[in-house]
Amino acid sequence: MNIRFAHVRQQAGHTLLELTIAVALGLVVTLGALSAYRTQR
């Protein structure tokens, strides 16, 4: 685990990019679920 953490710290920029993509995908999924829930009601 410590080795993995050090590896993540080395690629901070790449990790930040992945985090941004993950957040964007999460928002898209949340919005999609909300719109689907609204249309069903």
N, C-alpha and C. Protein backbone atom coordinates (compact mmCIF):
# COMPACT_ATOMS: atom_id res chain seq x y z
N MET A 1 0.83 -1.21 0.00
CA MET A 1 0.00 0.00 0.00
C MET A 1 0.87 1.26 0.00
N ASN A 2 1.96 1.22 0.78
CA ASN A 2 2.85 2.38 0.83
C ASN A 2 3.48 2.64 -0.53
N ILE A 3 3.86 1.56 -1.23
CA ILE A 3 4.47 1.72 -2.55
C ILE A 3 3.45 2.35 -3.50
N ARG A 4 2.22 1.89 -3.41
CA ARG A 4 1.18 2.42 -4.29
C ARG A 4 0.96 3.91 -4.01
N PHE A 5 0.95 4.27 -2.73
CA PHE A 5 0.75 5.68 -2.36
C PHE A 5 1.86 6.55 -2.93
N ALA A 6 3.10 6.07 -2.84
CA ALA A 6 4.24 6.82 -3.37
C ALA A 6 4.11 6.95 -4.88
N HIS A 7 3.67 5.89 -5.53
CA HIS A 7 3.49 5.93 -6.98
C HIS A 7 2.42 6.95 -7.36
N VAL A 8 1.35 7.00 -6.56
CA VAL A 8 0.29 7.98 -6.84
C VAL A 8 0.82 9.40 -6.65
N ARG A 9 1.64 9.60 -5.62
CA ARG A 9 2.18 10.94 -5.38
C ARG A 9 3.10 11.37 -6.52
N GLN A 10 3.78 10.41 -7.13
CA GLN A 10 4.66 10.76 -8.25
C GLN A 10 3.83 11.28 -9.43
N GLN A 11 2.70 10.64 -9.70
CA GLN A 11 1.87 11.05 -10.83
C GLN A 11 0.69 11.88 -10.33
N ALA A 12 1.00 12.96 -9.64
CA ALA A 12 -0.06 13.80 -9.07
C ALA A 12 -0.94 14.39 -10.17
N GLY A 13 -0.31 14.82 -11.27
CA GLY A 13 -1.07 15.42 -12.36
C GLY A 13 -2.03 14.42 -12.98
N HIS A 14 -1.52 13.21 -13.22
CA HIS A 14 -2.36 12.17 -13.81
C HIS A 14 -3.51 11.81 -12.87
N THR A 15 -3.21 11.77 -11.57
CA THR A 15 -4.25 11.45 -10.60
C THR A 15 -5.31 12.54 -10.59
N LEU A 16 -4.87 13.80 -10.67
CA LEU A 16 -5.82 14.91 -10.68
C LEU A 16 -6.73 14.82 -11.89
N LEU A 17 -6.16 14.46 -13.03
CA LEU A 17 -6.96 14.32 -14.25
C LEU A 17 -7.99 13.21 -14.08
N GLU A 18 -7.55 12.07 -13.53
CA GLU A 18 -8.49 10.97 -13.32
C GLU A 18 -9.59 11.37 -12.35
N LEU A 19 -9.22 12.12 -11.30
CA LEU A 19 -10.21 12.57 -10.32
C LEU A 19 -11.24 13.47 -10.99
N THR A 20 -10.77 14.39 -11.85
CA THR A 20 -11.69 15.29 -12.55
C THR A 20 -12.64 14.49 -13.44
N ILE A 21 -12.11 13.50 -14.15
CA ILE A 21 -12.95 12.68 -15.03
C ILE A 21 -13.96 11.90 -14.21
N ALA A 22 -13.50 11.36 -13.06
CA ALA A 22 -14.40 10.58 -12.21
C ALA A 22 -15.54 11.46 -11.69
N VAL A 23 -15.21 12.68 -11.27
CA VAL A 23 -16.24 13.60 -10.76
C VAL A 23 -17.22 13.95 -11.87
N ALA A 24 -16.71 14.23 -13.08
CA ALA A 24 -17.58 14.58 -14.20
C ALA A 24 -18.51 13.41 -14.53
N LEU A 25 -17.97 12.20 -14.56
CA LEU A 25 -18.80 11.03 -14.85
C LEU A 25 -19.85 10.84 -13.76
N GLY A 26 -19.45 11.05 -12.51
CA GLY A 26 -20.39 10.93 -11.40
C GLY A 26 -21.53 11.93 -11.53
N LEU A 27 -21.21 13.16 -11.92
CA LEU A 27 -22.25 14.16 -12.11
C LEU A 27 -23.19 13.77 -13.23
N VAL A 28 -22.64 13.28 -14.34
CA VAL A 28 -23.47 12.87 -15.48
C VAL A 28 -24.40 11.73 -15.07
N VAL A 29 -23.87 10.75 -14.35
CA VAL A 29 -24.69 9.62 -13.91
C VAL A 29 -25.78 10.10 -12.95
N THR A 30 -25.42 10.99 -12.03
CA THR A 30 -26.40 11.51 -11.07
C THR A 30 -27.50 12.27 -11.78
N LEU A 31 -27.11 13.14 -12.73
CA LEU A 31 -28.12 13.89 -13.47
C LEU A 31 -29.01 12.95 -14.28
N GLY A 32 -28.42 11.94 -14.90
CA GLY A 32 -29.19 10.98 -15.67
C GLY A 32 -30.18 10.23 -14.79
N ALA A 33 -29.73 9.83 -13.60
CA ALA A 33 -30.61 9.11 -12.69
C ALA A 33 -31.75 10.03 -12.23
N LEU A 34 -31.43 11.28 -11.96
CA LEU A 34 -32.46 12.22 -11.51
C LEU A 34 -33.50 12.46 -12.61
N SER A 35 -33.05 12.66 -13.83
CA SER A 35 -33.99 12.91 -14.94
C SER A 35 -34.84 11.67 -15.19
N ALA A 36 -34.24 10.48 -15.11
CA ALA A 36 -35.00 9.24 -15.30
C ALA A 36 -36.03 9.08 -14.17
N TYR A 37 -35.63 9.44 -12.96
CA TYR A 37 -36.55 9.33 -11.82
C TYR A 37 -37.71 10.31 -11.98
N ARG A 38 -37.42 11.50 -12.52
CA ARG A 38 -38.48 12.50 -12.69
C ARG A 38 -39.45 12.07 -13.79
N THR A 39 -38.95 11.49 -14.87
CA THR A 39 -39.83 11.09 -15.97
C THR A 39 -40.70 9.91 -15.55
N GLN A 40 -40.21 9.06 -14.66
CA GLN A 40 -41.00 7.91 -14.22
C GLN A 40 -42.15 8.34 -13.32
N ARG A 41 -41.95 9.41 -12.55
CA ARG A 41 -43.01 9.83 -11.62
C ARG A 41 -44.16 10.47 -12.36
